Amino acid sequence: MQIAQQEAQRHVLAITVDNESGILAKIAGLFTARGYNIDSLTVADITEDHAVSRITIVTNGPPAVIDQIHAQLDRLVPVHKVVDLTEEGPHVERELALVKVAGTGDKRVEALRLADIFRARPVDTTTESFIFEITGPPEKVDSFIALMRELGLVEVGRTGIVGMMRGAQGA
């Protein structure tokens, strides 16, 4: 008898929770206890009275594992809603990165040229380095960073992915 392996798929989960201490630890613990990996995690307060936050988690797994994650998140008391943006349909994903590049001469000119092509904005400049701010889909950020490696990449800081459903409806 042969057991069929299901291919892992990338999923973006938007989780609306009460903004209380320990909720992030509970959610991260849920993933850790079951051996699930979190590829990206972002958290933001989304209400004026600071009562509710939105957690965006990017994870990978076969459909059965993603369904199990969804069900277990739904069972946590401070969780209001779990939406799998990947399953719901068209959505927008963005990420912000700060990329520090050091170099002089031709490498400096090339870094500026590539930054212009990628619409990365210099937010700090010295005679020996730049810090670029770039936003966009994760693939765009990855490509920019890969090109900067050849030109003197020093450091990268990334926010993680945030996502939202397209259209007038909220998640």
N, C-alpha and C. Protein backbone atom coordinates (compact mmCIF):
# COMPACT_ATOMS: atom_id res chain seq x y z
N MET A 1 0.84 -1.18 0.00
CA MET A 1 0.00 0.00 0.00
C MET A 1 0.89 1.25 0.00
N GLN A 2 0.56 2.18 -0.85
CA GLN A 2 1.34 3.40 -0.97
C GLN A 2 0.49 4.60 -0.55
N ILE A 3 1.08 5.44 0.30
CA ILE A 3 0.37 6.64 0.77
C ILE A 3 0.73 7.79 -0.15
N ALA A 4 -0.28 8.46 -0.66
CA ALA A 4 -0.05 9.59 -1.58
C ALA A 4 0.38 10.81 -0.78
N GLN A 5 1.46 11.43 -1.21
CA GLN A 5 1.94 12.66 -0.60
C GLN A 5 1.25 13.85 -1.26
N GLN A 6 0.71 14.76 -0.46
CA GLN A 6 0.12 15.97 -1.01
C GLN A 6 1.17 17.06 -1.00
N GLU A 7 1.20 17.84 -2.06
CA GLU A 7 2.18 18.90 -2.19
C GLU A 7 1.82 20.08 -1.29
N ALA A 8 2.85 20.60 -0.61
CA ALA A 8 2.65 21.76 0.25
C ALA A 8 2.39 23.00 -0.59
N GLN A 9 1.44 23.80 -0.15
CA GLN A 9 1.10 25.05 -0.82
C GLN A 9 1.28 26.21 0.15
N ARG A 10 1.63 27.35 -0.41
CA ARG A 10 1.80 28.56 0.39
C ARG A 10 0.42 29.19 0.63
N HIS A 11 0.16 29.57 1.87
CA HIS A 11 -1.13 30.19 2.23
C HIS A 11 -0.89 31.44 3.06
N VAL A 12 -1.71 32.46 2.81
CA VAL A 12 -1.68 33.70 3.58
C VAL A 12 -2.95 33.74 4.42
N LEU A 13 -2.78 33.72 5.74
CA LEU A 13 -3.91 33.73 6.67
C LEU A 13 -4.03 35.10 7.32
N ALA A 14 -5.22 35.68 7.28
CA ALA A 14 -5.52 36.94 7.97
C ALA A 14 -6.37 36.60 9.18
N ILE A 15 -5.87 36.90 10.36
CA ILE A 15 -6.53 36.50 11.61
C ILE A 15 -6.87 37.77 12.39
N THR A 16 -8.14 37.95 12.71
CA THR A 16 -8.60 39.09 13.50
C THR A 16 -8.74 38.61 14.95
N VAL A 17 -8.07 39.31 15.87
CA VAL A 17 -8.04 38.87 17.26
C VAL A 17 -8.26 40.03 18.21
N ASP A 18 -8.68 39.70 19.46
CA ASP A 18 -8.71 40.70 20.52
C ASP A 18 -7.27 41.10 20.81
N ASN A 19 -7.05 42.37 21.02
CA ASN A 19 -5.71 42.88 21.29
C ASN A 19 -5.43 42.73 22.79
N GLU A 20 -5.07 41.51 23.16
CA GLU A 20 -4.78 41.25 24.57
C GLU A 20 -3.39 40.62 24.70
N SER A 21 -2.81 40.77 25.85
CA SER A 21 -1.45 40.24 26.04
C SER A 21 -1.46 38.72 25.92
N GLY A 22 -0.44 38.21 25.26
CA GLY A 22 -0.27 36.77 25.14
C GLY A 22 -0.91 36.14 23.92
N ILE A 23 -1.74 36.86 23.18
CA ILE A 23 -2.42 36.24 22.03
C ILE A 23 -1.43 35.83 20.95
N LEU A 24 -0.44 36.66 20.69
CA LEU A 24 0.55 36.31 19.68
C LEU A 24 1.32 35.06 20.10
N ALA A 25 1.65 34.97 21.37
CA ALA A 25 2.36 33.79 21.89
C ALA A 25 1.49 32.54 21.76
N LYS A 26 0.18 32.67 22.01
CA LYS A 26 -0.74 31.53 21.87
C LYS A 26 -0.77 31.03 20.43
N ILE A 27 -0.85 31.97 19.49
CA ILE A 27 -0.92 31.59 18.08
C ILE A 27 0.40 31.00 17.61
N ALA A 28 1.51 31.63 17.98
CA ALA A 28 2.82 31.08 17.61
C ALA A 28 3.02 29.72 18.26
N GLY A 29 2.57 29.57 19.50
CA GLY A 29 2.67 28.29 20.19
C GLY A 29 1.86 27.19 19.52
N LEU A 30 0.70 27.55 18.99
CA LEU A 30 -0.12 26.59 18.25
C LEU A 30 0.67 26.03 17.07
N PHE A 31 1.37 26.90 16.34
CA PHE A 31 2.17 26.47 15.20
C PHE A 31 3.36 25.63 15.67
N THR A 32 4.05 26.10 16.70
CA THR A 32 5.25 25.42 17.19
C THR A 32 4.92 24.03 17.73
N ALA A 33 3.87 23.92 18.51
CA ALA A 33 3.51 22.65 19.14
C ALA A 33 3.20 21.56 18.11
N ARG A 34 2.74 21.96 16.96
CA ARG A 34 2.37 20.98 15.94
C ARG A 34 3.41 20.86 14.82
N GLY A 35 4.51 21.58 14.97
CA GLY A 35 5.59 21.49 14.00
C GLY A 35 5.33 22.21 12.69
N TYR A 36 4.42 23.18 12.71
CA TYR A 36 4.14 23.96 11.51
C TYR A 36 5.10 25.15 11.45
N ASN A 37 5.48 25.53 10.27
CA ASN A 37 6.41 26.64 10.12
C ASN A 37 5.66 27.93 9.78
N ILE A 38 6.14 29.04 10.32
CA ILE A 38 5.63 30.36 9.96
C ILE A 38 6.70 31.01 9.10
N ASP A 39 6.37 31.29 7.83
CA ASP A 39 7.31 31.93 6.91
C ASP A 39 7.36 33.44 7.12
N SER A 40 6.23 34.03 7.48
CA SER A 40 6.15 35.47 7.69
C SER A 40 5.04 35.74 8.69
N LEU A 41 5.25 36.76 9.54
CA LEU A 41 4.27 37.10 10.56
C LEU A 41 4.27 38.61 10.75
N THR A 42 3.10 39.22 10.61
CA THR A 42 2.96 40.65 10.88
C THR A 42 1.73 40.86 11.76
N VAL A 43 1.81 41.88 12.59
CA VAL A 43 0.70 42.20 13.50
C VAL A 43 0.49 43.70 13.48
N ALA A 44 -0.78 44.12 13.44
CA ALA A 44 -1.10 45.54 13.49
C ALA A 44 -2.43 45.76 14.20
N ASP A 45 -2.47 46.79 15.01
CA ASP A 45 -3.70 47.25 15.65
C ASP A 45 -4.59 47.83 14.55
N ILE A 46 -5.87 47.44 14.51
CA ILE A 46 -6.72 47.88 13.40
C ILE A 46 -7.95 48.69 13.82
N THR A 47 -8.11 48.93 15.11
CA THR A 47 -9.27 49.71 15.54
C THR A 47 -8.81 50.95 16.31
N GLU A 48 -9.65 51.97 16.30
CA GLU A 48 -9.33 53.23 16.95
C GLU A 48 -9.15 53.08 18.46
N ASP A 49 -9.93 52.17 19.07
CA ASP A 49 -9.83 51.98 20.52
C ASP A 49 -8.79 50.93 20.92
N HIS A 50 -8.00 50.45 19.95
CA HIS A 50 -6.91 49.48 20.18
C HIS A 50 -7.41 48.16 20.75
N ALA A 51 -8.64 47.79 20.47
CA ALA A 51 -9.21 46.55 21.01
C ALA A 51 -8.98 45.34 20.11
N VAL A 52 -8.76 45.57 18.83
CA VAL A 52 -8.65 44.46 17.87
C VAL A 52 -7.38 44.62 17.03
N SER A 53 -6.71 43.49 16.79
CA SER A 53 -5.53 43.47 15.94
C SER A 53 -5.73 42.49 14.80
N ARG A 54 -4.92 42.67 13.76
CA ARG A 54 -4.93 41.74 12.62
C ARG A 54 -3.55 41.13 12.53
N ILE A 55 -3.51 39.82 12.52
CA ILE A 55 -2.27 39.07 12.38
C ILE A 55 -2.29 38.45 11.00
N THR A 56 -1.22 38.65 10.24
CA THR A 56 -1.09 38.03 8.93
C THR A 56 0.04 37.01 9.02
N ILE A 57 -0.29 35.75 8.74
CA ILE A 57 0.69 34.67 8.80
C ILE A 57 0.79 34.03 7.42
N VAL A 58 2.02 33.84 6.96
CA VAL A 58 2.27 33.08 5.74
C VAL A 58 2.86 31.75 6.18
N THR A 59 2.26 30.66 5.71
CA THR A 59 2.70 29.32 6.07
C THR A 59 2.59 28.41 4.86
N ASN A 60 3.16 27.23 4.96
CA ASN A 60 3.11 26.24 3.89
C ASN A 60 2.58 24.93 4.43
N GLY A 61 1.87 24.21 3.59
CA GLY A 61 1.40 22.89 3.98
C GLY A 61 0.40 22.35 2.99
N PRO A 62 0.20 21.04 3.02
CA PRO A 62 -0.84 20.46 2.18
C PRO A 62 -2.22 20.89 2.67
N PRO A 63 -3.25 20.77 1.83
CA PRO A 63 -4.59 21.25 2.21
C PRO A 63 -5.08 20.73 3.56
N ALA A 64 -4.81 19.48 3.89
CA ALA A 64 -5.28 18.93 5.16
C ALA A 64 -4.65 19.66 6.35
N VAL A 65 -3.37 19.99 6.26
CA VAL A 65 -2.68 20.70 7.33
C VAL A 65 -3.20 22.12 7.46
N ILE A 66 -3.41 22.79 6.32
CA ILE A 66 -3.94 24.16 6.35
C ILE A 66 -5.34 24.17 6.96
N ASP A 67 -6.16 23.19 6.62
CA ASP A 67 -7.50 23.08 7.21
C ASP A 67 -7.41 22.89 8.73
N GLN A 68 -6.44 22.07 9.16
CA GLN A 68 -6.26 21.83 10.59
C GLN A 68 -5.81 23.11 11.31
N ILE A 69 -4.88 23.85 10.70
CA ILE A 69 -4.43 25.12 11.28
C ILE A 69 -5.61 26.07 11.41
N HIS A 70 -6.41 26.18 10.35
CA HIS A 70 -7.59 27.06 10.33
C HIS A 70 -8.53 26.69 11.47
N ALA A 71 -8.84 25.40 11.61
CA ALA A 71 -9.77 24.94 12.64
C ALA A 71 -9.24 25.22 14.05
N GLN A 72 -7.94 24.99 14.26
CA GLN A 72 -7.37 25.21 15.58
C GLN A 72 -7.31 26.70 15.93
N LEU A 73 -7.04 27.55 14.95
CA LEU A 73 -7.06 28.99 15.20
C LEU A 73 -8.47 29.45 15.55
N ASP A 74 -9.48 28.92 14.83
CA ASP A 74 -10.87 29.29 15.10
C ASP A 74 -11.29 28.95 16.53
N ARG A 75 -10.68 27.93 17.13
CA ARG A 75 -11.06 27.49 18.47
C ARG A 75 -10.49 28.39 19.58
N LEU A 76 -9.47 29.17 19.27
CA LEU A 76 -8.91 30.05 20.30
C LEU A 76 -9.91 31.15 20.65
N VAL A 77 -10.11 31.40 21.94
CA VAL A 77 -11.13 32.33 22.40
C VAL A 77 -10.94 33.75 21.87
N PRO A 78 -9.74 34.34 21.90
CA PRO A 78 -9.63 35.73 21.44
C PRO A 78 -9.64 35.90 19.92
N VAL A 79 -9.79 34.82 19.17
CA VAL A 79 -9.81 34.90 17.71
C VAL A 79 -11.23 35.17 17.23
N HIS A 80 -11.41 36.26 16.47
CA HIS A 80 -12.72 36.61 15.92
C HIS A 80 -12.96 35.93 14.59
N LYS A 81 -11.93 35.92 13.75
CA LYS A 81 -12.12 35.45 12.39
C LYS A 81 -10.77 35.02 11.80
N VAL A 82 -10.80 33.93 11.01
CA VAL A 82 -9.62 33.47 10.28
C VAL A 82 -10.02 33.39 8.82
N VAL A 83 -9.27 34.09 7.96
CA VAL A 83 -9.54 34.08 6.52
C VAL A 83 -8.27 33.63 5.80
N ASP A 84 -8.40 32.58 4.99
CA ASP A 84 -7.29 32.14 4.15
C ASP A 84 -7.39 32.91 2.84
N LEU A 85 -6.59 33.97 2.72
CA LEU A 85 -6.66 34.82 1.54
C LEU A 85 -6.37 34.03 0.26
N THR A 86 -5.51 33.05 0.36
CA THR A 86 -5.16 32.23 -0.79
C THR A 86 -6.37 31.47 -1.32
N GLU A 87 -7.20 30.98 -0.41
CA GLU A 87 -8.39 30.21 -0.79
C GLU A 87 -9.56 31.10 -1.19
N GLU A 88 -9.63 32.29 -0.61
CA GLU A 88 -10.77 33.18 -0.85
C GLU A 88 -10.80 33.77 -2.26
N GLY A 89 -9.65 33.86 -2.90
CA GLY A 89 -9.62 34.40 -4.25
C GLY A 89 -8.59 35.49 -4.42
N PRO A 90 -8.82 36.37 -5.40
CA PRO A 90 -7.82 37.41 -5.71
C PRO A 90 -7.54 38.31 -4.50
N HIS A 91 -6.27 38.48 -4.22
CA HIS A 91 -5.86 39.34 -3.12
C HIS A 91 -4.54 40.00 -3.47
N VAL A 92 -4.21 41.01 -2.70
CA VAL A 92 -2.98 41.78 -2.91
C VAL A 92 -2.05 41.48 -1.75
N GLU A 93 -0.77 41.22 -2.06
CA GLU A 93 0.25 41.01 -1.04
C GLU A 93 1.35 42.04 -1.24
N ARG A 94 1.83 42.60 -0.15
CA ARG A 94 2.92 43.57 -0.22
C ARG A 94 3.85 43.36 0.97
N GLU A 95 5.09 43.81 0.76
CA GLU A 95 6.10 43.73 1.79
C GLU A 95 6.98 44.97 1.68
N LEU A 96 7.52 45.42 2.79
CA LEU A 96 8.44 46.55 2.82
C LEU A 96 9.81 46.03 3.25
N ALA A 97 10.86 46.52 2.61
CA ALA A 97 12.23 46.17 3.01
C ALA A 97 13.11 47.40 2.99
N LEU A 98 14.04 47.45 3.92
CA LEU A 98 15.12 48.42 3.90
C LEU A 98 16.38 47.64 3.52
N VAL A 99 17.08 48.14 2.50
CA VAL A 99 18.23 47.43 1.94
C VAL A 99 19.43 48.37 1.95
N LYS A 100 20.47 47.99 2.72
CA LYS A 100 21.69 48.81 2.78
C LYS A 100 22.72 48.24 1.81
N VAL A 101 23.25 49.13 0.96
CA VAL A 101 24.23 48.76 -0.05
C VAL A 101 25.42 49.70 0.07
N ALA A 102 26.63 49.13 0.14
CA ALA A 102 27.85 49.94 0.20
C ALA A 102 28.60 49.78 -1.11
N GLY A 103 29.16 50.87 -1.58
CA GLY A 103 29.94 50.79 -2.80
C GLY A 103 30.32 52.17 -3.30
N THR A 104 31.31 52.18 -4.19
CA THR A 104 31.75 53.44 -4.79
C THR A 104 31.88 53.25 -6.29
N GLY A 105 32.00 54.34 -6.99
CA GLY A 105 32.24 54.30 -8.43
C GLY A 105 31.10 53.68 -9.20
N ASP A 106 31.44 52.77 -10.12
CA ASP A 106 30.46 52.14 -11.00
C ASP A 106 29.40 51.34 -10.24
N LYS A 107 29.81 50.70 -9.15
CA LYS A 107 28.84 49.92 -8.38
C LYS A 107 27.80 50.83 -7.74
N ARG A 108 28.20 51.98 -7.32
CA ARG A 108 27.27 52.96 -6.73
C ARG A 108 26.27 53.45 -7.77
N VAL A 109 26.77 53.77 -8.97
CA VAL A 109 25.91 54.22 -10.06
C VAL A 109 24.94 53.12 -10.46
N GLU A 110 25.43 51.88 -10.54
CA GLU A 110 24.57 50.74 -10.90
C GLU A 110 23.50 50.50 -9.85
N ALA A 111 23.86 50.63 -8.57
CA ALA A 111 22.87 50.46 -7.50
C ALA A 111 21.75 51.49 -7.63
N LEU A 112 22.10 52.72 -7.91
CA LEU A 112 21.09 53.78 -8.10
C LEU A 112 20.21 53.50 -9.33
N ARG A 113 20.83 53.02 -10.40
CA ARG A 113 20.08 52.72 -11.63
C ARG A 113 19.08 51.60 -11.38
N LEU A 114 19.53 50.54 -10.73
CA LEU A 114 18.63 49.41 -10.43
C LEU A 114 17.53 49.83 -9.45
N ALA A 115 17.87 50.65 -8.49
CA ALA A 115 16.86 51.13 -7.54
C ALA A 115 15.77 51.89 -8.28
N ASP A 116 16.16 52.70 -9.26
CA ASP A 116 15.18 53.45 -10.06
C ASP A 116 14.28 52.50 -10.83
N ILE A 117 14.85 51.46 -11.42
CA ILE A 117 14.06 50.48 -12.17
C ILE A 117 13.05 49.78 -11.27
N PHE A 118 13.47 49.44 -10.05
CA PHE A 118 12.60 48.73 -9.10
C PHE A 118 11.72 49.68 -8.28
N ARG A 119 11.84 50.97 -8.55
CA ARG A 119 11.12 52.00 -7.79
C ARG A 119 11.44 51.94 -6.29
N ALA A 120 12.70 51.61 -6.00
CA ALA A 120 13.19 51.66 -4.62
C ALA A 120 13.65 53.09 -4.36
N ARG A 121 13.34 53.58 -3.20
CA ARG A 121 13.63 54.98 -2.88
C ARG A 121 14.78 55.07 -1.89
N PRO A 122 15.81 55.87 -2.20
CA PRO A 122 16.89 56.05 -1.22
C PRO A 122 16.36 56.85 -0.03
N VAL A 123 16.50 56.31 1.18
CA VAL A 123 16.03 57.00 2.38
C VAL A 123 17.19 57.47 3.25
N ASP A 124 18.40 57.00 2.92
CA ASP A 124 19.61 57.47 3.59
C ASP A 124 20.77 57.33 2.63
N THR A 125 21.59 58.37 2.55
CA THR A 125 22.71 58.37 1.63
C THR A 125 23.95 58.91 2.32
N THR A 126 25.06 58.19 2.15
CA THR A 126 26.37 58.69 2.56
C THR A 126 27.27 58.58 1.35
N THR A 127 28.49 59.01 1.48
CA THR A 127 29.42 58.91 0.35
C THR A 127 29.83 57.46 0.07
N GLU A 128 29.54 56.56 1.02
CA GLU A 128 29.96 55.17 0.86
C GLU A 128 28.80 54.18 0.80
N SER A 129 27.57 54.63 1.08
CA SER A 129 26.46 53.67 1.12
C SER A 129 25.11 54.33 0.87
N PHE A 130 24.13 53.47 0.63
CA PHE A 130 22.72 53.87 0.50
C PHE A 130 21.89 52.94 1.37
N ILE A 131 20.77 53.45 1.84
CA ILE A 131 19.70 52.58 2.35
C ILE A 131 18.51 52.85 1.45
N PHE A 132 18.03 51.78 0.80
CA PHE A 132 16.87 51.88 -0.08
C PHE A 132 15.64 51.33 0.62
N GLU A 133 14.50 51.96 0.35
CA GLU A 133 13.21 51.47 0.80
C GLU A 133 12.51 50.92 -0.43
N ILE A 134 12.08 49.65 -0.35
CA ILE A 134 11.37 49.05 -1.48
C ILE A 134 10.11 48.37 -0.96
N THR A 135 9.02 48.56 -1.68
CA THR A 135 7.76 47.89 -1.36
C THR A 135 7.25 47.18 -2.59
N GLY A 136 6.52 46.12 -2.36
CA GLY A 136 5.93 45.39 -3.47
C GLY A 136 5.70 43.94 -3.11
N PRO A 137 5.36 43.14 -4.12
CA PRO A 137 5.19 41.71 -3.87
C PRO A 137 6.52 41.10 -3.41
N PRO A 138 6.47 40.04 -2.63
CA PRO A 138 7.71 39.44 -2.12
C PRO A 138 8.71 39.07 -3.22
N GLU A 139 8.23 38.66 -4.38
CA GLU A 139 9.13 38.28 -5.48
C GLU A 139 9.94 39.49 -5.95
N LYS A 140 9.32 40.64 -6.00
CA LYS A 140 10.02 41.87 -6.41
C LYS A 140 11.11 42.22 -5.40
N VAL A 141 10.78 42.14 -4.12
CA VAL A 141 11.74 42.43 -3.06
C VAL A 141 12.91 41.44 -3.14
N ASP A 142 12.59 40.15 -3.32
CA ASP A 142 13.63 39.13 -3.44
C ASP A 142 14.57 39.41 -4.62
N SER A 143 14.00 39.79 -5.76
CA SER A 143 14.80 40.08 -6.95
C SER A 143 15.73 41.27 -6.72
N PHE A 144 15.21 42.32 -6.11
CA PHE A 144 16.02 43.50 -5.83
C PHE A 144 17.19 43.15 -4.91
N ILE A 145 16.90 42.39 -3.86
CA ILE A 145 17.95 42.00 -2.91
C ILE A 145 19.01 41.16 -3.61
N ALA A 146 18.59 40.23 -4.47
CA ALA A 146 19.55 39.39 -5.19
C ALA A 146 20.48 40.23 -6.06
N LEU A 147 19.95 41.23 -6.73
CA LEU A 147 20.78 42.10 -7.56
C LEU A 147 21.73 42.95 -6.71
N MET A 148 21.27 43.39 -5.55
CA MET A 148 22.10 44.22 -4.69
C MET A 148 23.25 43.41 -4.06
N ARG A 149 23.09 42.09 -3.94
CA ARG A 149 24.16 41.24 -3.41
C ARG A 149 25.43 41.40 -4.24
N GLU A 150 25.25 41.51 -5.54
CA GLU A 150 26.39 41.63 -6.46
C GLU A 150 27.04 43.02 -6.39
N LEU A 151 26.33 43.98 -5.82
CA LEU A 151 26.82 45.37 -5.80
C LEU A 151 27.29 45.85 -4.44
N GLY A 152 27.25 44.97 -3.44
CA GLY A 152 27.74 45.37 -2.12
C GLY A 152 26.68 45.39 -1.03
N LEU A 153 25.76 44.44 -1.06
CA LEU A 153 24.72 44.34 -0.03
C LEU A 153 25.37 44.21 1.35
N VAL A 154 24.90 45.03 2.29
CA VAL A 154 25.43 45.01 3.65
C VAL A 154 24.41 44.41 4.62
N GLU A 155 23.15 44.86 4.49
CA GLU A 155 22.14 44.48 5.48
C GLU A 155 20.75 44.61 4.87
N VAL A 156 19.83 43.75 5.35
CA VAL A 156 18.44 43.79 4.89
C VAL A 156 17.52 43.68 6.10
N GLY A 157 16.48 44.52 6.13
CA GLY A 157 15.42 44.42 7.12
C GLY A 157 14.09 44.32 6.37
N ARG A 158 13.29 43.29 6.68
CA ARG A 158 12.02 43.08 5.99
C ARG A 158 10.88 43.05 6.99
N THR A 159 9.73 43.60 6.56
CA THR A 159 8.58 43.66 7.46
C THR A 159 7.80 42.37 7.53
N GLY A 160 7.80 41.58 6.49
CA GLY A 160 6.90 40.45 6.38
C GLY A 160 5.73 40.85 5.49
N ILE A 161 4.98 39.88 5.10
CA ILE A 161 3.91 40.09 4.12
C ILE A 161 2.62 40.53 4.81
N VAL A 162 1.96 41.50 4.20
CA VAL A 162 0.59 41.85 4.57
C VAL A 162 -0.27 41.60 3.34
N GLY A 163 -1.49 41.20 3.54
CA GLY A 163 -2.36 40.90 2.41
C GLY A 163 -3.77 41.36 2.67
N MET A 164 -4.50 41.57 1.57
CA MET A 164 -5.88 42.03 1.66
C MET A 164 -6.64 41.55 0.43
N MET A 165 -7.89 41.19 0.62
CA MET A 165 -8.75 40.77 -0.49
C MET A 165 -9.00 41.94 -1.44
N ARG A 166 -9.07 41.62 -2.71
CA ARG A 166 -9.41 42.65 -3.70
C ARG A 166 -10.91 42.93 -3.66
N GLY A 167 -11.31 44.11 -4.09
CA GLY A 167 -12.73 44.45 -4.15
C GLY A 167 -13.22 45.16 -2.92
N ALA A 168 -14.51 45.39 -2.91
CA ALA A 168 -15.13 46.19 -1.84
C ALA A 168 -15.35 45.44 -0.54
N GLN A 169 -15.34 44.11 -0.57
CA GLN A 169 -15.61 43.32 0.62
C GLN A 169 -14.38 43.21 1.51
N GLY A 170 -14.58 43.20 2.82
CA GLY A 170 -13.49 43.02 3.78
C GLY A 170 -13.29 41.56 4.07
N ALA A 171 -12.15 41.24 4.60
CA ALA A 171 -11.85 39.84 4.96
C ALA A 171 -12.39 39.49 6.32
